[in-house]
Amino acid sequence: MRVVDEFESGFGWQADTPEYAERTSHAVATDGGVWLFDAIDVDGLDDRVRSLGKPAGVVQLLDRHGRDCLRVAERLGVPLLVTPREGHGAIRPIRIAWIPGWHEVAVHLAEERVLVVGDALGTAGYFRAPGERLAVHPVLRVAPPRKLGGLAPLHVLCGHGEGIHGEEAAPALDEALQTARRRLPRWLPASIEAWRGR
């Protein structure tokens, strides 16, 4: 695995082989154990997760891609929560999109000041307009998920690309939400260029 987003209560990882999609998974330690999000199964994952603490569960944030969540949950012997509507331990889901073909929740871990988002936000090149570090998913730019505003996280963890950490995380989140719609025309040529360069 390629470890990214390493911070005091968790880490993110990607597959060894670089991908255009920059799929990223995360593990975050809470008082109730370690939660995994949108898990991709890789060698050494179990040991790395257990170095944080006892596994508590696996959360699939988006309905349309399961990644390896089921396999990882079964192997670790923990529950799998697929786009949960209700809280479960430290997990407090925030509904992002609930339309046919797209059911997505985010999870805000308030004690750890961590926001985990599957597809609604990303830092991968094809998400971003010029000058953006964090961006709303292109399909959601017209109606960005404003429920995520005002959370003041120290860590914004994305399902595509590396996260944003430290004191710049909350301002980057607010800026992404506030400018998503007006930067849509700048996003399109940047996305085409990112596709050509993949």
N, C-alpha and C. Protein backbone atom coordinates (compact mmCIF):
# COMPACT_ATOMS: atom_id res chain seq x y z
N MET A 1 0.83 -1.19 0.00
CA MET A 1 0.00 0.00 0.00
C MET A 1 0.87 1.25 0.00
N ARG A 2 0.34 2.32 -0.51
CA ARG A 2 1.01 3.62 -0.42
C ARG A 2 0.25 4.42 0.63
N VAL A 3 0.93 4.74 1.72
CA VAL A 3 0.29 5.44 2.83
C VAL A 3 0.26 6.94 2.54
N VAL A 4 -0.92 7.52 2.73
CA VAL A 4 -1.11 8.97 2.61
C VAL A 4 -1.91 9.43 3.82
N ASP A 5 -2.02 10.74 3.97
CA ASP A 5 -2.88 11.30 5.03
C ASP A 5 -2.54 10.77 6.43
N GLU A 6 -1.29 10.60 6.73
CA GLU A 6 -0.92 10.11 8.06
C GLU A 6 -1.06 11.23 9.08
N PHE A 7 -1.81 10.98 10.15
CA PHE A 7 -2.03 11.98 11.20
C PHE A 7 -2.21 11.25 12.52
N GLU A 8 -2.41 12.03 13.62
CA GLU A 8 -2.31 11.44 14.95
C GLU A 8 -3.33 10.32 15.20
N SER A 9 -4.51 10.39 14.61
CA SER A 9 -5.52 9.37 14.90
C SER A 9 -5.83 8.47 13.71
N GLY A 10 -5.02 8.53 12.67
CA GLY A 10 -5.32 7.65 11.57
C GLY A 10 -4.39 7.81 10.37
N PHE A 11 -4.80 7.21 9.28
CA PHE A 11 -4.02 7.28 8.05
C PHE A 11 -4.93 6.95 6.87
N GLY A 12 -4.46 7.31 5.69
CA GLY A 12 -5.13 6.94 4.45
C GLY A 12 -4.18 6.12 3.62
N TRP A 13 -4.75 5.35 2.69
CA TRP A 13 -3.89 4.55 1.82
C TRP A 13 -4.50 4.44 0.44
N GLN A 14 -3.61 4.22 -0.50
CA GLN A 14 -3.97 3.96 -1.88
C GLN A 14 -3.26 2.68 -2.30
N ALA A 15 -3.71 2.11 -3.42
CA ALA A 15 -3.02 0.94 -3.95
C ALA A 15 -1.62 1.34 -4.42
N ASP A 16 -0.73 0.37 -4.46
CA ASP A 16 0.65 0.63 -4.90
C ASP A 16 0.71 1.22 -6.30
N THR A 17 -0.12 0.70 -7.19
CA THR A 17 -0.11 1.15 -8.58
C THR A 17 -0.87 2.46 -8.72
N PRO A 18 -0.25 3.51 -9.23
CA PRO A 18 -0.96 4.79 -9.38
C PRO A 18 -2.19 4.64 -10.25
N GLU A 19 -3.27 5.31 -9.86
CA GLU A 19 -4.53 5.26 -10.60
C GLU A 19 -4.97 6.67 -10.95
N TYR A 20 -5.61 6.81 -12.09
CA TYR A 20 -6.18 8.11 -12.46
C TYR A 20 -7.22 8.54 -11.43
N ALA A 21 -8.01 7.59 -10.93
CA ALA A 21 -9.07 7.90 -9.98
C ALA A 21 -8.53 8.30 -8.61
N GLU A 22 -7.26 7.97 -8.32
CA GLU A 22 -6.66 8.27 -7.02
C GLU A 22 -7.56 7.82 -5.87
N ARG A 23 -8.07 6.58 -5.97
CA ARG A 23 -8.93 6.06 -4.91
C ARG A 23 -8.16 5.98 -3.59
N THR A 24 -8.76 6.55 -2.56
CA THR A 24 -8.12 6.62 -1.25
C THR A 24 -9.06 6.06 -0.19
N SER A 25 -8.53 5.25 0.70
CA SER A 25 -9.28 4.68 1.82
C SER A 25 -8.68 5.23 3.11
N HIS A 26 -9.44 5.11 4.21
CA HIS A 26 -8.96 5.68 5.48
C HIS A 26 -9.29 4.79 6.67
N ALA A 27 -8.44 4.89 7.68
CA ALA A 27 -8.69 4.28 8.98
C ALA A 27 -8.51 5.36 10.03
N VAL A 28 -9.50 5.46 10.92
CA VAL A 28 -9.46 6.50 11.96
C VAL A 28 -9.76 5.86 13.31
N ALA A 29 -8.89 6.10 14.29
CA ALA A 29 -9.08 5.57 15.63
C ALA A 29 -9.98 6.49 16.44
N THR A 30 -10.98 5.90 17.08
CA THR A 30 -11.88 6.63 17.98
C THR A 30 -11.85 5.93 19.33
N ASP A 31 -12.57 6.48 20.31
CA ASP A 31 -12.65 5.83 21.62
C ASP A 31 -13.25 4.44 21.52
N GLY A 32 -14.09 4.23 20.52
CA GLY A 32 -14.76 2.93 20.37
C GLY A 32 -14.05 1.97 19.44
N GLY A 33 -12.86 2.32 18.99
CA GLY A 33 -12.12 1.44 18.09
C GLY A 33 -11.79 2.12 16.78
N VAL A 34 -11.24 1.36 15.85
CA VAL A 34 -10.77 1.89 14.57
C VAL A 34 -11.83 1.64 13.51
N TRP A 35 -12.21 2.72 12.83
CA TRP A 35 -13.18 2.64 11.74
C TRP A 35 -12.46 2.79 10.41
N LEU A 36 -12.85 1.95 9.45
CA LEU A 36 -12.29 2.02 8.10
C LEU A 36 -13.35 2.57 7.16
N PHE A 37 -12.92 3.36 6.19
CA PHE A 37 -13.84 4.00 5.26
C PHE A 37 -13.45 3.67 3.83
N ASP A 38 -14.44 3.19 3.06
CA ASP A 38 -14.26 2.88 1.64
C ASP A 38 -12.98 2.08 1.40
N ALA A 39 -12.90 0.97 2.08
CA ALA A 39 -11.65 0.21 2.15
C ALA A 39 -11.26 -0.46 0.83
N ILE A 40 -10.00 -0.26 0.46
CA ILE A 40 -9.35 -1.02 -0.60
C ILE A 40 -8.44 -2.01 0.10
N ASP A 41 -8.54 -3.29 -0.27
CA ASP A 41 -7.76 -4.33 0.39
C ASP A 41 -6.35 -4.37 -0.20
N VAL A 42 -5.35 -4.29 0.66
CA VAL A 42 -3.96 -4.31 0.25
C VAL A 42 -3.16 -5.14 1.24
N ASP A 43 -2.00 -5.60 0.82
CA ASP A 43 -1.12 -6.36 1.72
C ASP A 43 -0.72 -5.49 2.90
N GLY A 44 -0.73 -6.09 4.09
CA GLY A 44 -0.30 -5.41 5.29
C GLY A 44 -1.35 -4.54 5.94
N LEU A 45 -2.57 -4.51 5.37
CA LEU A 45 -3.61 -3.62 5.91
C LEU A 45 -4.00 -3.97 7.33
N ASP A 46 -4.23 -5.25 7.60
CA ASP A 46 -4.73 -5.64 8.92
C ASP A 46 -3.77 -5.23 10.03
N ASP A 47 -2.48 -5.50 9.82
CA ASP A 47 -1.49 -5.14 10.84
C ASP A 47 -1.44 -3.63 11.05
N ARG A 48 -1.51 -2.89 9.95
CA ARG A 48 -1.44 -1.43 10.05
C ARG A 48 -2.66 -0.89 10.80
N VAL A 49 -3.83 -1.44 10.53
CA VAL A 49 -5.05 -1.01 11.22
C VAL A 49 -4.96 -1.34 12.70
N ARG A 50 -4.51 -2.56 13.01
CA ARG A 50 -4.44 -2.96 14.42
C ARG A 50 -3.38 -2.19 15.20
N SER A 51 -2.43 -1.59 14.50
CA SER A 51 -1.46 -0.76 15.21
C SER A 51 -2.12 0.50 15.77
N LEU A 52 -3.28 0.86 15.23
CA LEU A 52 -4.06 1.99 15.76
C LEU A 52 -4.97 1.59 16.90
N GLY A 53 -5.38 0.31 16.92
CA GLY A 53 -6.32 -0.15 17.94
C GLY A 53 -7.16 -1.29 17.40
N LYS A 54 -8.19 -1.64 18.15
CA LYS A 54 -9.07 -2.74 17.76
C LYS A 54 -10.04 -2.27 16.68
N PRO A 55 -10.15 -3.01 15.56
CA PRO A 55 -11.09 -2.62 14.52
C PRO A 55 -12.53 -2.61 15.04
N ALA A 56 -13.30 -1.57 14.67
CA ALA A 56 -14.69 -1.44 15.11
C ALA A 56 -15.68 -1.67 13.99
N GLY A 57 -15.31 -1.30 12.76
CA GLY A 57 -16.24 -1.46 11.66
C GLY A 57 -15.70 -0.87 10.38
N VAL A 58 -16.40 -1.16 9.30
CA VAL A 58 -16.07 -0.63 7.98
C VAL A 58 -17.29 0.13 7.47
N VAL A 59 -17.07 1.33 6.95
CA VAL A 59 -18.16 2.16 6.44
C VAL A 59 -17.98 2.36 4.94
N GLN A 60 -19.01 2.03 4.19
CA GLN A 60 -19.06 2.32 2.75
C GLN A 60 -19.86 3.60 2.59
N LEU A 61 -19.21 4.66 2.15
CA LEU A 61 -19.83 5.99 2.12
C LEU A 61 -20.72 6.22 0.90
N LEU A 62 -20.50 5.47 -0.17
CA LEU A 62 -21.24 5.66 -1.42
C LEU A 62 -21.81 4.33 -1.85
N ASP A 63 -23.09 4.32 -2.23
CA ASP A 63 -23.73 3.05 -2.53
C ASP A 63 -23.20 2.38 -3.78
N ARG A 64 -22.78 3.15 -4.77
CA ARG A 64 -22.51 2.54 -6.07
C ARG A 64 -21.12 1.94 -6.22
N HIS A 65 -20.23 2.14 -5.25
CA HIS A 65 -18.99 1.37 -5.30
C HIS A 65 -18.64 0.84 -3.92
N GLY A 66 -18.58 -0.49 -3.86
CA GLY A 66 -18.29 -1.13 -2.59
C GLY A 66 -16.82 -1.29 -2.31
N ARG A 67 -15.98 -1.02 -3.34
CA ARG A 67 -14.54 -1.29 -3.20
C ARG A 67 -14.37 -2.67 -2.59
N ASP A 68 -13.53 -2.81 -1.57
CA ASP A 68 -13.33 -4.11 -0.92
C ASP A 68 -13.90 -4.11 0.49
N CYS A 69 -14.89 -3.26 0.74
CA CYS A 69 -15.41 -3.09 2.10
C CYS A 69 -15.91 -4.41 2.70
N LEU A 70 -16.69 -5.16 1.94
CA LEU A 70 -17.25 -6.39 2.48
C LEU A 70 -16.15 -7.39 2.83
N ARG A 71 -15.20 -7.59 1.94
CA ARG A 71 -14.12 -8.54 2.19
C ARG A 71 -13.31 -8.14 3.42
N VAL A 72 -12.98 -6.85 3.53
CA VAL A 72 -12.19 -6.39 4.67
C VAL A 72 -12.98 -6.54 5.98
N ALA A 73 -14.26 -6.19 5.96
CA ALA A 73 -15.08 -6.31 7.16
C ALA A 73 -15.19 -7.76 7.62
N GLU A 74 -15.40 -8.66 6.67
CA GLU A 74 -15.52 -10.08 7.03
C GLU A 74 -14.21 -10.61 7.60
N ARG A 75 -13.11 -10.22 7.00
CA ARG A 75 -11.82 -10.73 7.48
C ARG A 75 -11.49 -10.19 8.87
N LEU A 76 -11.83 -8.91 9.13
CA LEU A 76 -11.56 -8.32 10.44
C LEU A 76 -12.61 -8.71 11.48
N GLY A 77 -13.73 -9.29 11.03
CA GLY A 77 -14.79 -9.70 11.95
C GLY A 77 -15.55 -8.52 12.54
N VAL A 78 -15.80 -7.51 11.70
CA VAL A 78 -16.49 -6.30 12.17
C VAL A 78 -17.68 -6.01 11.26
N PRO A 79 -18.62 -5.20 11.73
CA PRO A 79 -19.78 -4.89 10.89
C PRO A 79 -19.41 -4.00 9.70
N LEU A 80 -20.20 -4.15 8.63
CA LEU A 80 -20.11 -3.27 7.47
C LEU A 80 -21.35 -2.39 7.46
N LEU A 81 -21.15 -1.08 7.45
CA LEU A 81 -22.24 -0.12 7.37
C LEU A 81 -22.23 0.48 5.96
N VAL A 82 -23.28 0.23 5.20
CA VAL A 82 -23.38 0.75 3.84
C VAL A 82 -24.27 1.99 3.86
N THR A 83 -23.70 3.12 3.53
CA THR A 83 -24.40 4.43 3.55
C THR A 83 -25.38 4.50 4.73
N PRO A 84 -24.86 4.41 5.94
CA PRO A 84 -25.77 4.34 7.10
C PRO A 84 -26.59 5.63 7.26
N ARG A 85 -27.82 5.44 7.66
CA ARG A 85 -28.69 6.60 7.94
C ARG A 85 -28.67 6.96 9.41
N GLU A 86 -28.38 5.98 10.25
CA GLU A 86 -28.38 6.19 11.69
C GLU A 86 -26.95 6.11 12.24
N GLY A 87 -26.75 6.70 13.41
CA GLY A 87 -25.46 6.64 14.06
C GLY A 87 -25.15 5.24 14.55
N HIS A 88 -23.87 4.96 14.69
CA HIS A 88 -23.40 3.66 15.17
C HIS A 88 -22.07 3.91 15.87
N GLY A 89 -22.05 3.85 17.19
CA GLY A 89 -20.82 4.18 17.92
C GLY A 89 -20.41 5.61 17.63
N ALA A 90 -19.16 5.78 17.22
CA ALA A 90 -18.65 7.12 16.92
C ALA A 90 -19.16 7.66 15.58
N ILE A 91 -19.77 6.79 14.78
CA ILE A 91 -20.19 7.16 13.43
C ILE A 91 -21.47 7.97 13.48
N ARG A 92 -21.41 9.19 12.98
CA ARG A 92 -22.57 10.06 12.84
C ARG A 92 -22.66 10.49 11.38
N PRO A 93 -23.50 9.81 10.59
CA PRO A 93 -23.54 10.10 9.16
C PRO A 93 -24.24 11.42 8.85
N ILE A 94 -23.76 12.06 7.80
CA ILE A 94 -24.37 13.27 7.26
C ILE A 94 -24.78 12.94 5.82
N ARG A 95 -26.07 13.03 5.54
CA ARG A 95 -26.54 12.69 4.19
C ARG A 95 -26.09 13.76 3.20
N ILE A 96 -25.40 13.31 2.15
CA ILE A 96 -24.87 14.22 1.14
C ILE A 96 -25.75 14.24 -0.10
N ALA A 97 -26.01 13.07 -0.65
CA ALA A 97 -26.82 12.94 -1.85
C ALA A 97 -27.72 11.73 -1.68
N TRP A 98 -28.99 11.87 -2.05
CA TRP A 98 -29.92 10.76 -1.91
C TRP A 98 -30.87 10.79 -3.10
N ILE A 99 -30.30 10.49 -4.27
CA ILE A 99 -31.07 10.47 -5.51
C ILE A 99 -30.86 9.11 -6.15
N PRO A 100 -31.72 8.71 -7.09
CA PRO A 100 -31.52 7.40 -7.73
C PRO A 100 -30.12 7.29 -8.32
N GLY A 101 -29.42 6.22 -7.95
CA GLY A 101 -28.08 5.99 -8.46
C GLY A 101 -26.97 6.67 -7.67
N TRP A 102 -27.33 7.46 -6.67
CA TRP A 102 -26.30 8.14 -5.88
C TRP A 102 -26.80 8.36 -4.45
N HIS A 103 -26.45 7.42 -3.59
CA HIS A 103 -26.70 7.56 -2.16
C HIS A 103 -25.34 7.70 -1.49
N GLU A 104 -25.11 8.82 -0.85
CA GLU A 104 -23.80 9.06 -0.23
C GLU A 104 -23.98 9.75 1.11
N VAL A 105 -23.17 9.31 2.06
CA VAL A 105 -23.08 9.99 3.36
C VAL A 105 -21.63 10.36 3.61
N ALA A 106 -21.45 11.39 4.41
CA ALA A 106 -20.13 11.73 4.95
C ALA A 106 -20.17 11.39 6.43
N VAL A 107 -19.02 11.31 7.06
CA VAL A 107 -18.95 11.06 8.50
C VAL A 107 -18.08 12.13 9.14
N HIS A 108 -18.65 12.80 10.15
CA HIS A 108 -17.89 13.78 10.92
C HIS A 108 -17.60 13.17 12.29
N LEU A 109 -16.33 12.94 12.57
CA LEU A 109 -15.90 12.44 13.87
C LEU A 109 -15.50 13.66 14.70
N ALA A 110 -16.44 14.16 15.48
CA ALA A 110 -16.26 15.46 16.15
C ALA A 110 -15.10 15.45 17.14
N GLU A 111 -14.96 14.38 17.91
CA GLU A 111 -13.88 14.33 18.90
C GLU A 111 -12.51 14.39 18.25
N GLU A 112 -12.37 13.73 17.12
CA GLU A 112 -11.09 13.69 16.41
C GLU A 112 -10.94 14.85 15.43
N ARG A 113 -12.03 15.62 15.23
CA ARG A 113 -12.08 16.72 14.26
C ARG A 113 -11.69 16.25 12.87
N VAL A 114 -12.32 15.13 12.49
CA VAL A 114 -12.07 14.50 11.18
C VAL A 114 -13.38 14.46 10.40
N LEU A 115 -13.32 14.89 9.14
CA LEU A 115 -14.45 14.76 8.22
C LEU A 115 -14.02 13.80 7.12
N VAL A 116 -14.80 12.73 6.93
CA VAL A 116 -14.49 11.75 5.90
C VAL A 116 -15.59 11.81 4.84
N VAL A 117 -15.19 12.02 3.58
CA VAL A 117 -16.13 12.16 2.48
C VAL A 117 -15.71 11.23 1.35
N GLY A 118 -16.67 10.53 0.77
CA GLY A 118 -16.36 9.58 -0.29
C GLY A 118 -16.12 10.24 -1.63
N ASP A 119 -17.20 10.70 -2.27
CA ASP A 119 -17.09 11.27 -3.61
C ASP A 119 -17.47 12.75 -3.67
N ALA A 120 -18.16 13.26 -2.69
CA ALA A 120 -18.68 14.64 -2.76
C ALA A 120 -17.57 15.68 -2.80
N LEU A 121 -16.43 15.37 -2.21
CA LEU A 121 -15.27 16.26 -2.21
C LEU A 121 -14.05 15.46 -2.64
N GLY A 122 -13.10 16.11 -3.29
CA GLY A 122 -11.88 15.42 -3.67
C GLY A 122 -10.76 16.37 -3.97
N THR A 123 -9.56 15.83 -3.99
CA THR A 123 -8.37 16.61 -4.37
C THR A 123 -7.72 16.05 -5.63
N ALA A 124 -8.28 14.97 -6.18
CA ALA A 124 -7.75 14.41 -7.43
C ALA A 124 -7.83 15.47 -8.53
N GLY A 125 -6.92 15.38 -9.50
CA GLY A 125 -6.82 16.40 -10.54
C GLY A 125 -8.10 16.65 -11.30
N TYR A 126 -8.87 15.61 -11.56
CA TYR A 126 -10.09 15.78 -12.34
C TYR A 126 -11.24 16.40 -11.54
N PHE A 127 -11.09 16.56 -10.24
CA PHE A 127 -12.07 17.27 -9.42
C PHE A 127 -11.86 18.78 -9.48
N ARG A 128 -10.61 19.21 -9.61
CA ARG A 128 -10.23 20.59 -9.29
C ARG A 128 -10.18 21.52 -10.50
N ALA A 129 -10.66 22.73 -10.27
CA ALA A 129 -10.43 23.85 -11.19
C ALA A 129 -9.07 24.45 -10.84
N PRO A 130 -8.46 25.25 -11.74
CA PRO A 130 -7.17 25.86 -11.43
C PRO A 130 -7.21 26.65 -10.12
N GLY A 131 -6.19 26.42 -9.28
CA GLY A 131 -6.08 27.13 -8.01
C GLY A 131 -6.80 26.46 -6.86
N GLU A 132 -7.57 25.41 -7.11
CA GLU A 132 -8.28 24.73 -6.03
C GLU A 132 -7.42 23.62 -5.43
N ARG A 133 -7.46 23.50 -4.12
CA ARG A 133 -6.82 22.36 -3.44
C ARG A 133 -7.83 21.27 -3.15
N LEU A 134 -9.03 21.70 -2.78
CA LEU A 134 -10.12 20.80 -2.45
C LEU A 134 -11.31 21.24 -3.28
N ALA A 135 -12.04 20.29 -3.85
CA ALA A 135 -13.13 20.66 -4.74
C ALA A 135 -14.34 19.76 -4.56
N VAL A 136 -15.50 20.31 -4.86
CA VAL A 136 -16.75 19.56 -4.87
C VAL A 136 -16.78 18.71 -6.14
N HIS A 137 -17.34 17.51 -6.04
CA HIS A 137 -17.49 16.64 -7.19
C HIS A 137 -18.16 17.41 -8.33
N PRO A 138 -17.67 17.25 -9.56
CA PRO A 138 -18.23 18.02 -10.68
C PRO A 138 -19.75 17.96 -10.79
N VAL A 139 -20.34 16.79 -10.55
CA VAL A 139 -21.80 16.66 -10.68
C VAL A 139 -22.54 17.45 -9.60
N LEU A 140 -21.88 17.67 -8.46
CA LEU A 140 -22.53 18.36 -7.34
C LEU A 140 -22.18 19.85 -7.28
N ARG A 141 -21.37 20.33 -8.20
CA ARG A 141 -20.96 21.74 -8.14
C ARG A 141 -22.14 22.71 -8.21
N VAL A 142 -23.16 22.36 -8.95
CA VAL A 142 -24.32 23.26 -9.07
C VAL A 142 -25.08 23.34 -7.74
N ALA A 143 -25.09 22.26 -6.99
CA ALA A 143 -25.76 22.23 -5.69
C ALA A 143 -24.84 21.57 -4.67
N PRO A 144 -23.80 22.27 -4.22
CA PRO A 144 -22.81 21.66 -3.32
C PRO A 144 -23.41 21.27 -1.97
N PRO A 145 -22.80 20.30 -1.30
CA PRO A 145 -23.33 19.80 -0.02
C PRO A 145 -23.04 20.77 1.14
N ARG A 146 -23.87 21.78 1.26
CA ARG A 146 -23.64 22.84 2.25
C ARG A 146 -23.77 22.36 3.69
N LYS A 147 -24.34 21.17 3.90
CA LYS A 147 -24.41 20.61 5.25
C LYS A 147 -23.02 20.43 5.87
N LEU A 148 -22.01 20.37 5.02
CA LEU A 148 -20.65 20.16 5.51
C LEU A 148 -20.00 21.45 5.97
N GLY A 149 -20.62 22.57 5.69
CA GLY A 149 -20.05 23.86 6.09
C GLY A 149 -20.12 24.06 7.60
N GLY A 150 -19.16 24.77 8.14
CA GLY A 150 -19.17 25.12 9.55
C GLY A 150 -18.74 24.02 10.50
N LEU A 151 -18.23 22.90 10.00
CA LEU A 151 -17.83 21.80 10.88
C LEU A 151 -16.45 22.02 11.50
N ALA A 152 -15.63 22.84 10.87
CA ALA A 152 -14.29 23.17 11.38
C ALA A 152 -13.42 21.95 11.64
N PRO A 153 -13.29 21.06 10.67
CA PRO A 153 -12.40 19.90 10.87
C PRO A 153 -10.93 20.29 10.79
N LEU A 154 -10.10 19.49 11.43
CA LEU A 154 -8.65 19.61 11.27
C LEU A 154 -8.14 18.68 10.18
N HIS A 155 -8.99 17.74 9.77
CA HIS A 155 -8.62 16.78 8.72
C HIS A 155 -9.83 16.56 7.82
N VAL A 156 -9.68 16.84 6.54
CA VAL A 156 -10.71 16.52 5.55
C VAL A 156 -10.14 15.38 4.72
N LEU A 157 -10.76 14.21 4.82
CA LEU A 157 -10.29 13.01 4.15
C LEU A 157 -11.23 12.70 2.99
N CYS A 158 -10.65 12.52 1.81
CA CYS A 158 -11.42 12.35 0.57
C CYS A 158 -11.25 10.95 0.02
N GLY A 159 -12.27 10.47 -0.67
CA GLY A 159 -12.20 9.17 -1.30
C GLY A 159 -11.39 9.17 -2.59
N HIS A 160 -11.06 10.37 -3.10
CA HIS A 160 -10.26 10.48 -4.32
C HIS A 160 -9.22 11.58 -4.10
N GLY A 161 -7.97 11.17 -3.91
CA GLY A 161 -6.89 12.12 -3.66
C GLY A 161 -6.54 12.19 -2.19
N GLU A 162 -5.45 12.89 -1.92
CA GLU A 162 -4.99 13.05 -0.55
C GLU A 162 -5.83 14.10 0.17
N GLY A 163 -5.86 14.03 1.48
CA GLY A 163 -6.68 14.93 2.27
C GLY A 163 -6.01 16.27 2.53
N ILE A 164 -6.73 17.11 3.25
CA ILE A 164 -6.23 18.42 3.68
C ILE A 164 -6.15 18.38 5.20
N HIS A 165 -5.02 18.83 5.76
CA HIS A 165 -4.78 18.68 7.20
C HIS A 165 -4.38 19.98 7.86
N GLY A 166 -4.65 20.05 9.17
CA GLY A 166 -4.22 21.20 9.96
C GLY A 166 -5.19 22.38 9.87
N GLU A 167 -4.68 23.54 10.21
CA GLU A 167 -5.53 24.73 10.28
C GLU A 167 -6.07 25.16 8.93
N GLU A 168 -5.50 24.67 7.84
CA GLU A 168 -6.01 25.04 6.53
C GLU A 168 -7.18 24.16 6.07
N ALA A 169 -7.49 23.11 6.82
CA ALA A 169 -8.54 22.18 6.40
C ALA A 169 -9.92 22.85 6.38
N ALA A 170 -10.30 23.51 7.47
CA ALA A 170 -11.62 24.14 7.53
C ALA A 170 -11.79 25.25 6.50
N PRO A 171 -10.81 26.17 6.34
CA PRO A 171 -10.97 27.17 5.28
C PRO A 171 -11.05 26.58 3.88
N ALA A 172 -10.28 25.51 3.63
CA ALA A 172 -10.33 24.87 2.31
C ALA A 172 -11.71 24.26 2.07
N LEU A 173 -12.29 23.67 3.10
CA LEU A 173 -13.63 23.10 2.99
C LEU A 173 -14.65 24.19 2.69
N ASP A 174 -14.63 25.26 3.46
CA ASP A 174 -15.59 26.34 3.26
C ASP A 174 -15.45 26.98 1.88
N GLU A 175 -14.21 27.16 1.44
CA GLU A 175 -13.98 27.74 0.12
C GLU A 175 -14.51 26.83 -0.99
N ALA A 176 -14.28 25.53 -0.85
CA ALA A 176 -14.76 24.59 -1.86
C ALA A 176 -16.28 24.65 -1.98
N LEU A 177 -16.96 24.73 -0.86
CA LEU A 177 -18.42 24.77 -0.87
C LEU A 177 -18.95 26.09 -1.44
N GLN A 178 -18.28 27.19 -1.07
CA GLN A 178 -18.76 28.51 -1.47
C GLN A 178 -18.49 28.84 -2.93
N THR A 179 -17.45 28.26 -3.51
CA THR A 179 -17.05 28.64 -4.87
C THR A 179 -17.33 27.56 -5.91
N ALA A 180 -17.92 26.46 -5.50
CA ALA A 180 -18.11 25.32 -6.40
C ALA A 180 -18.85 25.70 -7.67
N ARG A 181 -19.94 26.40 -7.52
CA ARG A 181 -20.77 26.71 -8.69
C ARG A 181 -20.08 27.69 -9.63
N ARG A 182 -19.53 28.77 -9.09
CA ARG A 182 -18.97 29.79 -9.98
C ARG A 182 -17.67 29.35 -10.65
N ARG A 183 -17.00 28.36 -10.09
CA ARG A 183 -15.77 27.87 -10.72
C ARG A 183 -16.01 26.72 -11.69
N LEU A 184 -17.27 26.35 -11.89
CA LEU A 184 -17.59 25.27 -12.81
C LEU A 184 -17.05 25.51 -14.22
N PRO A 185 -17.18 26.72 -14.79
CA PRO A 185 -16.63 26.92 -16.15
C PRO A 185 -15.12 26.75 -16.23
N ARG A 186 -14.40 27.04 -15.12
CA ARG A 186 -12.95 26.86 -15.10
C ARG A 186 -12.57 25.40 -14.90
N TRP A 187 -13.48 24.64 -14.28
CA TRP A 187 -13.18 23.24 -14.02
C TRP A 187 -13.11 22.42 -15.31
N LEU A 188 -14.01 22.66 -16.26
CA LEU A 188 -14.11 21.80 -17.43
C LEU A 188 -12.81 21.69 -18.22
N PRO A 189 -12.17 22.80 -18.64
CA PRO A 189 -10.91 22.64 -19.37
C PRO A 189 -9.81 21.99 -18.54
N ALA A 190 -9.80 22.27 -17.23
CA ALA A 190 -8.79 21.65 -16.35
C ALA A 190 -9.01 20.14 -16.28
N SER A 191 -10.27 19.72 -16.24
CA SER A 191 -10.58 18.30 -16.17
C SER A 191 -10.17 17.59 -17.46
N ILE A 192 -10.42 18.23 -18.59
CA ILE A 192 -10.01 17.64 -19.88
C ILE A 192 -8.49 17.47 -19.93
N GLU A 193 -7.79 18.48 -19.42
CA GLU A 193 -6.32 18.41 -19.41
C GLU A 193 -5.83 17.30 -18.49
N ALA A 194 -6.50 17.15 -17.33
CA ALA A 194 -6.12 16.07 -16.41
C ALA A 194 -6.37 14.71 -17.05
N TRP A 195 -7.45 14.59 -17.81
CA TRP A 195 -7.75 13.32 -18.49
C TRP A 195 -6.70 13.00 -19.55
N ARG A 196 -6.29 14.01 -20.31
CA ARG A 196 -5.30 13.80 -21.35
C ARG A 196 -3.95 13.39 -20.76
N GLY A 197 -3.64 13.90 -19.57
CA GLY A 197 -2.34 13.64 -18.96
C GLY A 197 -2.29 12.39 -18.11
N ARG A 198 -3.38 11.66 -18.06
CA ARG A 198 -3.42 10.50 -17.13
C ARG A 198 -2.52 9.37 -17.59
